[in-house]
Amino acid sequence: MNTINNKMTTISRTLVFITSLLLLISIFVPLWRIDLDAPQYPEGLNLMIYTYKLGGNVDIINGLNHYIGMKTLHAEDFIEFTVLPYIIGFFALFSLLTGIFSRKKILYFLLTAFAIFGILAMFDFWRWEFDYGHNLDPNAAIIVPGMAYQPPLIGFKQLLNFGAFSIPSYGGWLFIASGVLLLVAVLIETKVFQKFKKSKPITTALFIVLSITFISCNNTSPQPVKLNVDNCDYCKMTIADGKFATELITQKGRIYKFDDLSCMIGFSKENKNIQNPLYFISDFSGEHTFININNAHLVKSEEFRSPMGGNIAAFENFDNLKNVIKDMNTVRVVWDDLLK
């Protein structure tokens, strides 16, 4: 009887077998990527990190690193590239054997070991990034006092004129998916899902919390402009008037700030490689908060006298628009037409 109770269900075994396959594939595709973009590299640069090598624009990045005193990157300098394929291969084999022997205790041990390895791997990656960005050559050609160049562990970070975006690549997502499948298998075997079915309010609350967390983590919002401090990313003038400020946010989360809508339009036309950006514009009335430009009422008038002569103002509320322009000679404009 105890032997039967210790057996995994068919669905759990299937999930574990899929995990084994995903881990095996992750050995041969990039695990992580760090993308770099700057005005002088409109197509961007990328560093692809495999389990056993480096890929992407390694030579170009090494050339840039040399000038600011960062270490050059060579696969032979990383012991991780020697052992990582074997460690992931071990977990792939471990998952396969777990499914074959079909024992719950082995599954629980597998998930625990896999989680510990994942945490240690991310810490090792952060440690490498910290050393990479802080341990600089004091004789470098370019030295910025107090400046460190540590790339982000995950997400976006501005490093001088470069925007660095760090995110899992194909292998990394497969690795994460493997952990999720193992967790689901454990939840099935511990009958957690059955407990949730008996308590619908708890399930609903958990779903709401997870949904809010997911939305929050993926929400890309504009940043407040620091007047008389921030510079326009197009004309390079200091942003002094909050009524006309605009922002462009890339899919990677990089934010470009402008002092006039005309500057954001000019920047967009010159950087067509930026795909599906989000555009925000300051509400001319009220507190001058940013609104999505697709939700804004845009009007043009010479009387607005915006910083760079675009003379276009945005309003979120149509009543506010009517109150402001009732005695002005204005023309309604359409955002899509301005971008053409």
C-alpha atoms as a PDB file:
ATOM      1  CA  MET A   1       0.000   0.000   0.000  1.00  0.00           C
ATOM      2  CA  ASN A   2       2.814   2.437   0.876  1.00  0.00           C
ATOM      3  CA  THR A   3       4.524   1.640  -2.420  1.00  0.00           C
ATOM      4  CA  ILE A   4       1.365   2.539  -4.342  1.00  0.00           C
ATOM      5  CA  ASN A   5       0.963   5.809  -2.434  1.00  0.00           C
ATOM      6  CA  ASN A   6       4.566   6.727  -3.227  1.00  0.00           C
ATOM      7  CA  LYS A   7       4.003   6.328  -6.966  1.00  0.00           C
ATOM      8  CA  MET A   8       3.716   9.465  -9.110  1.00  0.00           C
ATOM      9  CA  THR A   9       0.637  10.084 -11.214  1.00  0.00           C
ATOM     10  CA  THR A  10       0.826   9.751 -14.974  1.00  0.00           C
ATOM     11  CA  ILE A  11       0.527  13.489 -15.537  1.00  0.00           C
ATOM     12  CA  SER A  12       3.376  14.200 -13.104  1.00  0.00           C
ATOM     13  CA  ARG A  13       5.600  11.678 -14.836  1.00  0.00           C
ATOM     14  CA  THR A  14       4.780  13.297 -18.177  1.00  0.00           C
ATOM     15  CA  LEU A  15       5.755  16.719 -16.824  1.00  0.00           C
ATOM     16  CA  VAL A  16       9.039  15.335 -15.518  1.00  0.00           C
ATOM     17  CA  PHE A  17       9.847  13.704 -18.870  1.00  0.00           C
ATOM     18  CA  ILE A  18       9.150  17.027 -20.617  1.00  0.00           C
ATOM     19  CA  THR A  19      11.443  18.726 -18.083  1.00  0.00           C
ATOM     20  CA  SER A  20      14.241  16.346 -18.997  1.00  0.00           C
ATOM     21  CA  LEU A  21      13.847  17.190 -22.685  1.00  0.00           C
ATOM     22  CA  LEU A  22      13.742  20.958 -22.076  1.00  0.00           C
ATOM     23  CA  LEU A  23      16.896  20.853 -19.955  1.00  0.00           C
ATOM     24  CA  LEU A  24      18.695  18.842 -22.615  1.00  0.00           C
ATOM     25  CA  ILE A  25      17.791  21.421 -25.277  1.00  0.00           C
ATOM     26  CA  SER A  26      18.868  24.317 -23.030  1.00  0.00           C
ATOM     27  CA  ILE A  27      22.463  23.065 -23.100  1.00  0.00           C
ATOM     28  CA  PHE A  28      22.810  23.895 -26.801  1.00  0.00           C
ATOM     29  CA  VAL A  29      20.985  27.236 -27.098  1.00  0.00           C
ATOM     30  CA  PRO A  30      21.771  30.632 -25.482  1.00  0.00           C
ATOM     31  CA  LEU A  31      20.879  30.764 -21.789  1.00  0.00           C
ATOM     32  CA  TRP A  32      21.067  34.524 -21.305  1.00  0.00           C
ATOM     33  CA  ARG A  33      21.507  37.675 -23.360  1.00  0.00           C
ATOM     34  CA  ILE A  34      22.654  41.208 -22.633  1.00  0.00           C
ATOM     35  CA  ASP A  35      21.636  43.746 -25.276  1.00  0.00           C
ATOM     36  CA  LEU A  36      23.410  47.080 -25.595  1.00  0.00           C
ATOM     37  CA  ASP A  37      22.131  50.039 -27.575  1.00  0.00           C
ATOM     38  CA  ALA A  38      23.569  53.503 -28.118  1.00  0.00           C
ATOM     39  CA  PRO A  39      23.316  56.228 -30.772  1.00  0.00           C
ATOM     40  CA  GLN A  40      26.548  55.071 -32.428  1.00  0.00           C
ATOM     41  CA  TYR A  41      25.181  51.507 -32.698  1.00  0.00           C
ATOM     42  CA  PRO A  42      21.627  51.918 -34.039  1.00  0.00           C
ATOM     43  CA  GLU A  43      21.331  48.185 -34.703  1.00  0.00           C
ATOM     44  CA  GLY A  44      22.451  47.417 -31.148  1.00  0.00           C
ATOM     45  CA  LEU A  45      25.013  44.980 -29.781  1.00  0.00           C
ATOM     46  CA  ASN A  46      24.355  41.764 -27.926  1.00  0.00           C
ATOM     47  CA  LEU A  47      26.228  39.314 -25.761  1.00  0.00           C
ATOM     48  CA  MET A  48      24.839  35.776 -25.922  1.00  0.00           C
ATOM     49  CA  ILE A  49      25.750  33.497 -23.024  1.00  0.00           C
ATOM     50  CA  TYR A  50      25.575  29.758 -23.673  1.00  0.00           C
ATOM     51  CA  THR A  51      26.309  26.979 -21.207  1.00  0.00           C
ATOM     52  CA  TYR A  52      29.711  26.475 -22.809  1.00  0.00           C
ATOM     53  CA  LYS A  53      30.639  29.633 -24.746  1.00  0.00           C
ATOM     54  CA  LEU A  54      30.033  33.303 -25.461  1.00  0.00           C
ATOM     55  CA  GLY A  55      28.338  34.488 -28.630  1.00  0.00           C
ATOM     56  CA  GLY A  56      27.143  37.668 -30.255  1.00  0.00           C
ATOM     57  CA  ASN A  57      29.239  40.810 -30.725  1.00  0.00           C
ATOM     58  CA  VAL A  58      31.967  39.719 -28.303  1.00  0.00           C
ATOM     59  CA  ASP A  59      34.884  41.336 -30.184  1.00  0.00           C
ATOM     60  CA  ILE A  60      33.181  44.722 -30.492  1.00  0.00           C
ATOM     61  CA  ILE A  61      32.150  44.690 -26.820  1.00  0.00           C
ATOM     62  CA  ASN A  62      35.694  43.766 -25.789  1.00  0.00           C
ATOM     63  CA  GLY A  63      37.005  46.704 -27.795  1.00  0.00           C
ATOM     64  CA  LEU A  64      34.655  49.087 -26.003  1.00  0.00           C
ATOM     65  CA  ASN A  65      35.478  47.558 -22.620  1.00  0.00           C
ATOM     66  CA  HIS A  66      39.189  48.155 -23.163  1.00  0.00           C
ATOM     67  CA  TYR A  67      38.712  51.935 -23.292  1.00  0.00           C
ATOM     68  CA  ILE A  68      36.827  52.160 -19.989  1.00  0.00           C
ATOM     69  CA  GLY A  69      39.009  49.649 -18.122  1.00  0.00           C
ATOM     70  CA  MET A  70      36.683  46.656 -18.028  1.00  0.00           C
ATOM     71  CA  LYS A  71      37.980  43.136 -18.467  1.00  0.00           C
ATOM     72  CA  THR A  72      37.784  41.591 -21.897  1.00  0.00           C
ATOM     73  CA  LEU A  73      35.597  38.517 -22.173  1.00  0.00           C
ATOM     74  CA  HIS A  74      37.081  35.124 -23.037  1.00  0.00           C
ATOM     75  CA  ALA A  75      35.262  31.821 -22.575  1.00  0.00           C
ATOM     76  CA  GLU A  76      38.377  30.114 -21.211  1.00  0.00           C
ATOM     77  CA  ASP A  77      38.383  32.503 -18.233  1.00  0.00           C
ATOM     78  CA  PHE A  78      35.091  31.115 -16.952  1.00  0.00           C
ATOM     79  CA  ILE A  79      35.105  27.786 -15.137  1.00  0.00           C
ATOM     80  CA  GLU A  80      31.308  27.861 -15.451  1.00  0.00           C
ATOM     81  CA  PHE A  81      31.569  27.059 -19.162  1.00  0.00           C
ATOM     82  CA  THR A  82      33.428  23.869 -18.258  1.00  0.00           C
ATOM     83  CA  VAL A  83      31.023  22.546 -15.631  1.00  0.00           C
ATOM     84  CA  LEU A  84      27.643  24.058 -16.541  1.00  0.00           C
ATOM     85  CA  PRO A  85      26.803  21.688 -19.438  1.00  0.00           C
ATOM     86  CA  TYR A  86      27.474  18.718 -17.168  1.00  0.00           C
ATOM     87  CA  ILE A  87      25.392  20.128 -14.305  1.00  0.00           C
ATOM     88  CA  ILE A  88      22.390  20.790 -16.534  1.00  0.00           C
ATOM     89  CA  GLY A  89      22.936  17.425 -18.211  1.00  0.00           C
ATOM     90  CA  PHE A  90      22.885  15.847 -14.745  1.00  0.00           C
ATOM     91  CA  PHE A  91      19.513  17.449 -13.970  1.00  0.00           C
ATOM     92  CA  ALA A  92      18.181  16.323 -17.352  1.00  0.00           C
ATOM     93  CA  LEU A  93      19.231  12.741 -16.546  1.00  0.00           C
ATOM     94  CA  PHE A  94      17.944  13.071 -12.973  1.00  0.00           C
ATOM     95  CA  SER A  95      14.549  14.172 -14.323  1.00  0.00           C
ATOM     96  CA  LEU A  96      14.459  11.272 -16.755  1.00  0.00           C
ATOM     97  CA  LEU A  97      15.232   8.754 -13.991  1.00  0.00           C
ATOM     98  CA  THR A  98      12.668  10.378 -11.697  1.00  0.00           C
ATOM     99  CA  GLY A  99       9.998   9.788 -14.308  1.00  0.00           C
ATOM    100  CA  ILE A 100      11.146   6.201 -14.893  1.00  0.00           C
ATOM    101  CA  PHE A 101      11.268   5.208 -11.214  1.00  0.00           C
ATOM    102  CA  SER A 102       8.120   7.250 -10.489  1.00  0.00           C
ATOM    103  CA  ARG A 103       8.797   7.971  -6.814  1.00  0.00           C
ATOM    104  CA  LYS A 104       7.362  11.041  -5.110  1.00  0.00           C
ATOM    105  CA  LYS A 105      10.282  11.423  -2.695  1.00  0.00           C
ATOM    106  CA  ILE A 106      12.734  11.510  -5.583  1.00  0.00           C
ATOM    107  CA  LEU A 107      10.587  14.191  -7.257  1.00  0.00           C
ATOM    108  CA  TYR A 108      10.610  16.321  -4.096  1.00  0.00           C
ATOM    109  CA  PHE A 109      14.384  15.988  -3.822  1.00  0.00           C
ATOM    110  CA  LEU A 110      14.786  16.863  -7.503  1.00  0.00           C
ATOM    111  CA  LEU A 111      12.778  20.084  -7.164  1.00  0.00           C
ATOM    112  CA  THR A 112      14.696  21.107  -4.022  1.00  0.00           C
ATOM    113  CA  ALA A 113      18.083  20.477  -5.637  1.00  0.00           C
ATOM    114  CA  PHE A 114      16.999  22.245  -8.833  1.00  0.00           C
ATOM    115  CA  ALA A 115      15.805  25.328  -6.908  1.00  0.00           C
ATOM    116  CA  ILE A 116      19.040  25.524  -4.910  1.00  0.00           C
ATOM    117  CA  PHE A 117      21.087  25.249  -8.089  1.00  0.00           C
ATOM    118  CA  GLY A 118      19.022  27.997  -9.753  1.00  0.00           C
ATOM    119  CA  ILE A 119      19.572  30.364  -6.806  1.00  0.00           C
ATOM    120  CA  LEU A 120      23.309  29.648  -6.698  1.00  0.00           C
ATOM    121  CA  ALA A 121      23.593  30.107 -10.460  1.00  0.00           C
ATOM    122  CA  MET A 122      21.924  33.539 -10.330  1.00  0.00           C
ATOM    123  CA  PHE A 123      24.136  34.562  -7.411  1.00  0.00           C
ATOM    124  CA  ASP A 124      27.221  33.468  -9.346  1.00  0.00           C
ATOM    125  CA  PHE A 125      26.018  35.478 -12.353  1.00  0.00           C
ATOM    126  CA  TRP A 126      25.467  38.563 -10.163  1.00  0.00           C
ATOM    127  CA  ARG A 127      28.928  38.092  -8.581  1.00  0.00           C
ATOM    128  CA  TRP A 128      30.508  37.957 -12.022  1.00  0.00           C
ATOM    129  CA  GLU A 129      28.635  41.071 -13.146  1.00  0.00           C
ATOM    130  CA  PHE A 130      29.692  42.945 -10.008  1.00  0.00           C
ATOM    131  CA  ASP A 131      33.360  42.109 -10.524  1.00  0.00           C
ATOM    132  CA  TYR A 132      33.057  42.798 -14.245  1.00  0.00           C
ATOM    133  CA  GLY A 133      31.610  46.256 -13.649  1.00  0.00           C
ATOM    134  CA  HIS A 134      33.632  47.357 -10.598  1.00  0.00           C
ATOM    135  CA  ASN A 135      37.108  45.869 -11.004  1.00  0.00           C
ATOM    136  CA  LEU A 136      38.393  48.421 -13.518  1.00  0.00           C
ATOM    137  CA  ASP A 137      41.852  49.102 -14.908  1.00  0.00           C
ATOM    138  CA  PRO A 138      43.148  52.331 -13.253  1.00  0.00           C
ATOM    139  CA  ASN A 139      45.156  53.068 -16.405  1.00  0.00           C
ATOM    140  CA  ALA A 140      42.180  52.954 -18.765  1.00  0.00           C
ATOM    141  CA  ALA A 141      41.901  55.570 -21.508  1.00  0.00           C
ATOM    142  CA  ILE A 142      38.524  56.750 -20.206  1.00  0.00           C
ATOM    143  CA  ILE A 143      37.981  57.067 -16.449  1.00  0.00           C
ATOM    144  CA  VAL A 144      34.782  58.473 -14.939  1.00  0.00           C
ATOM    145  CA  PRO A 145      35.335  59.009 -11.178  1.00  0.00           C
ATOM    146  CA  GLY A 146      32.927  56.940  -9.103  1.00  0.00           C
ATOM    147  CA  MET A 147      31.423  55.244 -12.157  1.00  0.00           C
ATOM    148  CA  ALA A 148      30.771  51.489 -12.186  1.00  0.00           C
ATOM    149  CA  TYR A 149      29.621  49.514 -15.208  1.00  0.00           C
ATOM    150  CA  GLN A 150      27.853  46.553 -13.628  1.00  0.00           C
ATOM    151  CA  PRO A 151      25.182  45.278 -16.046  1.00  0.00           C
ATOM    152  CA  PRO A 152      21.710  44.602 -14.611  1.00  0.00           C
ATOM    153  CA  LEU A 153      21.001  41.084 -13.384  1.00  0.00           C
ATOM    154  CA  ILE A 154      17.675  41.324 -15.158  1.00  0.00           C
ATOM    155  CA  GLY A 155      15.957  44.310 -16.733  1.00  0.00           C
ATOM    156  CA  PHE A 156      17.277  47.647 -17.982  1.00  0.00           C
ATOM    157  CA  LYS A 157      20.082  49.913 -16.763  1.00  0.00           C
ATOM    158  CA  GLN A 158      21.693  53.015 -18.232  1.00  0.00           C
ATOM    159  CA  LEU A 159      25.514  52.861 -18.426  1.00  0.00           C
ATOM    160  CA  LEU A 160      26.856  56.196 -19.709  1.00  0.00           C
ATOM    161  CA  ASN A 161      25.415  56.514 -23.223  1.00  0.00           C
ATOM    162  CA  PHE A 162      24.667  52.790 -23.449  1.00  0.00           C
ATOM    163  CA  GLY A 163      21.415  51.183 -22.444  1.00  0.00           C
ATOM    164  CA  ALA A 164      21.970  47.629 -21.138  1.00  0.00           C
ATOM    165  CA  PHE A 165      19.098  45.150 -21.144  1.00  0.00           C
ATOM    166  CA  SER A 166      19.579  41.745 -19.497  1.00  0.00           C
ATOM    167  CA  ILE A 167      17.052  38.938 -19.914  1.00  0.00           C
ATOM    168  CA  PRO A 168      16.925  35.145 -20.259  1.00  0.00           C
ATOM    169  CA  SER A 169      17.372  33.848 -23.793  1.00  0.00           C
ATOM    170  CA  TYR A 170      15.850  30.660 -25.247  1.00  0.00           C
ATOM    171  CA  GLY A 171      17.755  28.321 -22.934  1.00  0.00           C
ATOM    172  CA  GLY A 172      17.008  30.487 -19.905  1.00  0.00           C
ATOM    173  CA  TRP A 173      13.287  30.378 -20.572  1.00  0.00           C
ATOM    174  CA  LEU A 174      13.490  26.612 -21.064  1.00  0.00           C
ATOM    175  CA  PHE A 175      15.311  26.385 -17.734  1.00  0.00           C
ATOM    176  CA  ILE A 176      12.619  28.475 -16.023  1.00  0.00           C
ATOM    177  CA  ALA A 177       9.885  26.406 -17.674  1.00  0.00           C
ATOM    178  CA  SER A 178      11.579  23.258 -16.342  1.00  0.00           C
ATOM    179  CA  GLY A 179      11.402  24.593 -12.798  1.00  0.00           C
ATOM    180  CA  VAL A 180       7.743  25.517 -13.247  1.00  0.00           C
ATOM    181  CA  LEU A 181       6.905  22.018 -14.567  1.00  0.00           C
ATOM    182  CA  LEU A 182       8.650  20.394 -11.611  1.00  0.00           C
ATOM    183  CA  LEU A 183       6.778  22.673  -9.221  1.00  0.00           C
ATOM    184  CA  VAL A 184       3.458  21.820 -10.861  1.00  0.00           C
ATOM    185  CA  ALA A 185       4.283  18.112 -10.585  1.00  0.00           C
ATOM    186  CA  VAL A 186       5.014  18.515  -6.865  1.00  0.00           C
ATOM    187  CA  LEU A 187       1.780  20.461  -6.335  1.00  0.00           C
ATOM    188  CA  ILE A 188      -0.119  17.678  -8.067  1.00  0.00           C
ATOM    189  CA  GLU A 189       1.492  14.974  -5.927  1.00  0.00           C
ATOM    190  CA  THR A 190       0.904  16.908  -2.686  1.00  0.00           C
ATOM    191  CA  LYS A 191      -2.728  17.445  -3.764  1.00  0.00           C
ATOM    192  CA  VAL A 192      -2.446  21.220  -3.364  1.00  0.00           C
ATOM    193  CA  PHE A 193      -4.654  21.806  -6.401  1.00  0.00           C
ATOM    194  CA  GLN A 194      -7.372  19.637  -4.883  1.00  0.00           C
ATOM    195  CA  LYS A 195      -7.274  21.774  -1.730  1.00  0.00           C
ATOM    196  CA  PHE A 196      -7.728  24.899  -3.842  1.00  0.00           C
ATOM    197  CA  LYS A 197     -10.762  23.363  -5.535  1.00  0.00           C
ATOM    198  CA  LYS A 198     -12.400  22.939  -2.131  1.00  0.00           C
ATOM    199  CA  SER A 199     -11.697  26.555  -1.217  1.00  0.00           C
ATOM    200  CA  LYS A 200     -12.771  28.762  -4.111  1.00  0.00           C
ATOM    201  CA  PRO A 201     -12.299  32.082  -2.248  1.00  0.00           C
ATOM    202  CA  ILE A 202      -8.632  31.223  -1.596  1.00  0.00           C
ATOM    203  CA  THR A 203      -8.144  30.212  -5.224  1.00  0.00           C
ATOM    204  CA  THR A 204      -9.761  33.421  -6.445  1.00  0.00           C
ATOM    205  CA  ALA A 205      -7.663  35.546  -4.097  1.00  0.00           C
ATOM    206  CA  LEU A 206      -4.470  33.775  -5.193  1.00  0.00           C
ATOM    207  CA  PHE A 207      -5.367  34.308  -8.849  1.00  0.00           C
ATOM    208  CA  ILE A 208      -5.993  38.026  -8.258  1.00  0.00           C
ATOM    209  CA  VAL A 209      -2.686  38.458  -6.395  1.00  0.00           C
ATOM    210  CA  LEU A 210      -0.727  36.643  -9.107  1.00  0.00           C
ATOM    211  CA  SER A 211      -2.466  38.649 -11.835  1.00  0.00           C
ATOM    212  CA  ILE A 212      -1.700  41.965 -10.140  1.00  0.00           C
ATOM    213  CA  THR A 213       1.902  40.914  -9.599  1.00  0.00           C
ATOM    214  CA  PHE A 214       2.276  39.895 -13.254  1.00  0.00           C
ATOM    215  CA  ILE A 215       0.729  43.120 -14.506  1.00  0.00           C
ATOM    216  CA  SER A 216       2.897  45.195 -12.158  1.00  0.00           C
ATOM    217  CA  CYS A 217       6.084  43.455 -13.246  1.00  0.00           C
ATOM    218  CA  ASN A 218       5.245  44.010 -16.900  1.00  0.00           C
ATOM    219  CA  ASN A 219       3.937  47.539 -16.586  1.00  0.00           C
ATOM    220  CA  THR A 220       6.112  50.101 -18.323  1.00  0.00           C
ATOM    221  CA  SER A 221       5.336  53.574 -17.029  1.00  0.00           C
ATOM    222  CA  PRO A 222       6.840  56.966 -17.812  1.00  0.00           C
ATOM    223  CA  GLN A 223       9.184  58.632 -15.348  1.00  0.00           C
ATOM    224  CA  PRO A 224       8.639  62.151 -14.003  1.00  0.00           C
ATOM    225  CA  VAL A 225      10.789  64.712 -15.797  1.00  0.00           C
ATOM    226  CA  LYS A 226      13.253  66.633 -13.655  1.00  0.00           C
ATOM    227  CA  LEU A 227      12.792  70.154 -14.924  1.00  0.00           C
ATOM    228  CA  ASN A 228      15.986  72.109 -15.553  1.00  0.00           C
ATOM    229  CA  VAL A 229      17.958  68.897 -14.974  1.00  0.00           C
ATOM    230  CA  ASP A 230      16.975  66.342 -17.622  1.00  0.00           C
ATOM    231  CA  ASN A 231      18.052  66.955 -21.210  1.00  0.00           C
ATOM    232  CA  CYS A 232      16.081  66.244 -24.364  1.00  0.00           C
ATOM    233  CA  ASP A 233      17.409  63.099 -26.050  1.00  0.00           C
ATOM    234  CA  TYR A 234      16.962  64.693 -29.478  1.00  0.00           C
ATOM    235  CA  CYS A 235      17.891  68.374 -29.364  1.00  0.00           C
ATOM    236  CA  LYS A 236      19.993  68.028 -26.161  1.00  0.00           C
ATOM    237  CA  MET A 237      18.387  71.152 -24.657  1.00  0.00           C
ATOM    238  CA  THR A 238      17.486  71.152 -20.962  1.00  0.00           C
ATOM    239  CA  ILE A 239      13.811  70.370 -20.388  1.00  0.00           C
ATOM    240  CA  ALA A 240      12.377  73.457 -18.696  1.00  0.00           C
ATOM    241  CA  ASP A 241       8.642  73.387 -19.449  1.00  0.00           C
ATOM    242  CA  GLY A 242       6.653  70.408 -18.159  1.00  0.00           C
ATOM    243  CA  LYS A 243       3.557  71.274 -20.224  1.00  0.00           C
ATOM    244  CA  PHE A 244       5.162  70.029 -23.437  1.00  0.00           C
ATOM    245  CA  ALA A 245       7.411  67.183 -22.228  1.00  0.00           C
ATOM    246  CA  THR A 246       7.140  63.797 -23.924  1.00  0.00           C
ATOM    247  CA  GLU A 247       8.657  60.344 -23.425  1.00  0.00           C
ATOM    248  CA  LEU A 248       9.292  57.323 -25.615  1.00  0.00           C
ATOM    249  CA  ILE A 249       9.667  53.921 -23.937  1.00  0.00           C
ATOM    250  CA  THR A 250      11.128  50.961 -25.817  1.00  0.00           C
ATOM    251  CA  GLN A 251      10.043  47.354 -25.416  1.00  0.00           C
ATOM    252  CA  LYS A 252      13.165  46.815 -23.315  1.00  0.00           C
ATOM    253  CA  GLY A 253      12.138  49.555 -20.905  1.00  0.00           C
ATOM    254  CA  ARG A 254      14.573  52.273 -21.972  1.00  0.00           C
ATOM    255  CA  ILE A 255      13.113  55.756 -21.599  1.00  0.00           C
ATOM    256  CA  TYR A 256      13.919  58.668 -23.911  1.00  0.00           C
ATOM    257  CA  LYS A 257      12.830  62.140 -22.772  1.00  0.00           C
ATOM    258  CA  PHE A 258      12.036  65.129 -24.970  1.00  0.00           C
ATOM    259  CA  ASP A 259      11.189  68.774 -24.377  1.00  0.00           C
ATOM    260  CA  ASP A 260       8.752  69.005 -27.306  1.00  0.00           C
ATOM    261  CA  LEU A 261       6.541  66.655 -29.288  1.00  0.00           C
ATOM    262  CA  SER A 262       8.406  67.674 -32.437  1.00  0.00           C
ATOM    263  CA  CYS A 263      11.628  66.299 -30.916  1.00  0.00           C
ATOM    264  CA  MET A 264      10.015  62.934 -30.179  1.00  0.00           C
ATOM    265  CA  ILE A 265       8.696  62.806 -33.742  1.00  0.00           C
ATOM    266  CA  GLY A 266      12.137  63.601 -35.172  1.00  0.00           C
ATOM    267  CA  PHE A 267      13.780  60.995 -32.940  1.00  0.00           C
ATOM    268  CA  SER A 268      11.240  58.330 -33.962  1.00  0.00           C
ATOM    269  CA  LYS A 269      11.752  58.967 -37.657  1.00  0.00           C
ATOM    270  CA  GLU A 270      15.536  58.721 -37.289  1.00  0.00           C
ATOM    271  CA  ASN A 271      15.366  55.546 -35.171  1.00  0.00           C
ATOM    272  CA  LYS A 272      12.914  53.351 -37.027  1.00  0.00           C
ATOM    273  CA  ASN A 273      14.748  50.279 -35.724  1.00  0.00           C
ATOM    274  CA  ILE A 274      12.978  50.802 -32.381  1.00  0.00           C
ATOM    275  CA  GLN A 275       9.977  48.525 -32.726  1.00  0.00           C
ATOM    276  CA  ASN A 276       6.571  49.187 -31.160  1.00  0.00           C
ATOM    277  CA  PRO A 277       7.608  51.845 -28.641  1.00  0.00           C
ATOM    278  CA  LEU A 278       5.170  53.457 -26.226  1.00  0.00           C
ATOM    279  CA  TYR A 279       4.638  57.202 -26.564  1.00  0.00           C
ATOM    280  CA  PHE A 280       3.626  59.475 -23.703  1.00  0.00           C
ATOM    281  CA  ILE A 281       2.920  63.191 -23.619  1.00  0.00           C
ATOM    282  CA  SER A 282       2.331  65.628 -20.807  1.00  0.00           C
ATOM    283  CA  ASP A 283      -1.225  66.768 -20.171  1.00  0.00           C
ATOM    284  CA  PHE A 284      -1.177  70.514 -20.871  1.00  0.00           C
ATOM    285  CA  SER A 285      -3.727  71.142 -18.119  1.00  0.00           C
ATOM    286  CA  GLY A 286      -3.692  70.219 -14.438  1.00  0.00           C
ATOM    287  CA  GLU A 287      -0.530  68.677 -12.962  1.00  0.00           C
ATOM    288  CA  HIS A 288       0.993  67.967 -16.387  1.00  0.00           C
ATOM    289  CA  THR A 289       0.986  64.204 -15.781  1.00  0.00           C
ATOM    290  CA  PHE A 290       1.969  61.888 -18.629  1.00  0.00           C
ATOM    291  CA  ILE A 291      -0.766  60.254 -20.683  1.00  0.00           C
ATOM    292  CA  ASN A 292      -0.551  57.696 -23.455  1.00  0.00           C
ATOM    293  CA  ILE A 293      -0.496  59.708 -26.647  1.00  0.00           C
ATOM    294  CA  ASN A 294      -3.129  57.411 -28.196  1.00  0.00           C
ATOM    295  CA  ASN A 295      -5.548  58.596 -25.494  1.00  0.00           C
ATOM    296  CA  ALA A 296      -4.709  62.281 -25.896  1.00  0.00           C
ATOM    297  CA  HIS A 297      -6.537  65.073 -27.706  1.00  0.00           C
ATOM    298  CA  LEU A 298      -3.860  66.904 -29.693  1.00  0.00           C
ATOM    299  CA  VAL A 299      -4.241  70.482 -30.859  1.00  0.00           C
ATOM    300  CA  LYS A 300      -1.822  72.832 -32.593  1.00  0.00           C
ATOM    301  CA  SER A 301      -1.609  76.571 -32.205  1.00  0.00           C
ATOM    302  CA  GLU A 302       1.118  79.180 -32.659  1.00  0.00           C
ATOM    303  CA  GLU A 303      -0.008  80.650 -29.350  1.00  0.00           C
ATOM    304  CA  PHE A 304       1.273  77.624 -27.400  1.00  0.00           C
ATOM    305  CA  ARG A 305       4.908  78.570 -28.123  1.00  0.00           C
ATOM    306  CA  SER A 306       6.394  75.195 -27.189  1.00  0.00           C
ATOM    307  CA  PRO A 307      10.188  75.005 -26.640  1.00  0.00           C
ATOM    308  CA  MET A 308      11.166  73.762 -30.115  1.00  0.00           C
ATOM    309  CA  GLY A 309       8.320  75.248 -32.131  1.00  0.00           C
ATOM    310  CA  GLY A 310       6.154  72.149 -32.412  1.00  0.00           C
ATOM    311  CA  ASN A 311       3.364  74.155 -30.747  1.00  0.00           C
ATOM    312  CA  ILE A 312       1.236  71.058 -30.096  1.00  0.00           C
ATOM    313  CA  ALA A 313      -0.449  70.556 -26.748  1.00  0.00           C
ATOM    314  CA  ALA A 314      -2.147  67.442 -25.389  1.00  0.00           C
ATOM    315  CA  PHE A 315      -5.252  67.093 -23.263  1.00  0.00           C
ATOM    316  CA  GLU A 316      -6.617  63.972 -21.611  1.00  0.00           C
ATOM    317  CA  ASN A 317      -9.959  65.567 -20.776  1.00  0.00           C
ATOM    318  CA  PHE A 318     -11.941  67.070 -23.648  1.00  0.00           C
ATOM    319  CA  ASP A 319     -13.603  69.639 -21.375  1.00  0.00           C
ATOM    320  CA  ASN A 320     -10.201  70.939 -20.298  1.00  0.00           C
ATOM    321  CA  LEU A 321      -9.247  71.239 -23.954  1.00  0.00           C
ATOM    322  CA  LYS A 322     -12.336  73.347 -24.712  1.00  0.00           C
ATOM    323  CA  ASN A 323     -11.696  75.622 -21.734  1.00  0.00           C
ATOM    324  CA  VAL A 324      -8.075  76.283 -22.717  1.00  0.00           C
ATOM    325  CA  ILE A 325      -8.525  76.844 -26.464  1.00  0.00           C
ATOM    326  CA  LYS A 326     -11.898  78.610 -26.533  1.00  0.00           C
ATOM    327  CA  ASP A 327     -10.299  81.934 -27.466  1.00  0.00           C
ATOM    328  CA  MET A 328      -7.428  80.496 -29.509  1.00  0.00           C
ATOM    329  CA  ASN A 329      -6.980  79.718 -33.165  1.00  0.00           C
ATOM    330  CA  THR A 330      -6.243  75.967 -33.066  1.00  0.00           C
ATOM    331  CA  VAL A 331      -6.161  72.936 -35.339  1.00  0.00           C
ATOM    332  CA  ARG A 332      -6.806  69.369 -34.247  1.00  0.00           C
ATOM    333  CA  VAL A 333      -3.992  66.990 -35.232  1.00  0.00           C
ATOM    334  CA  VAL A 334      -3.765  63.173 -35.343  1.00  0.00           C
ATOM    335  CA  TRP A 335      -0.774  61.362 -33.862  1.00  0.00           C
ATOM    336  CA  ASP A 336      -0.536  58.725 -36.611  1.00  0.00           C
ATOM    337  CA  ASP A 337      -0.431  61.460 -39.242  1.00  0.00           C
ATOM    338  CA  LEU A 338       2.390  63.249 -37.417  1.00  0.00           C
ATOM    339  CA  LEU A 339       4.527  60.100 -37.456  1.00  0.00           C
ATOM    340  CA  LYS A 340       4.263  59.632 -41.230  1.00  0.00           C
END
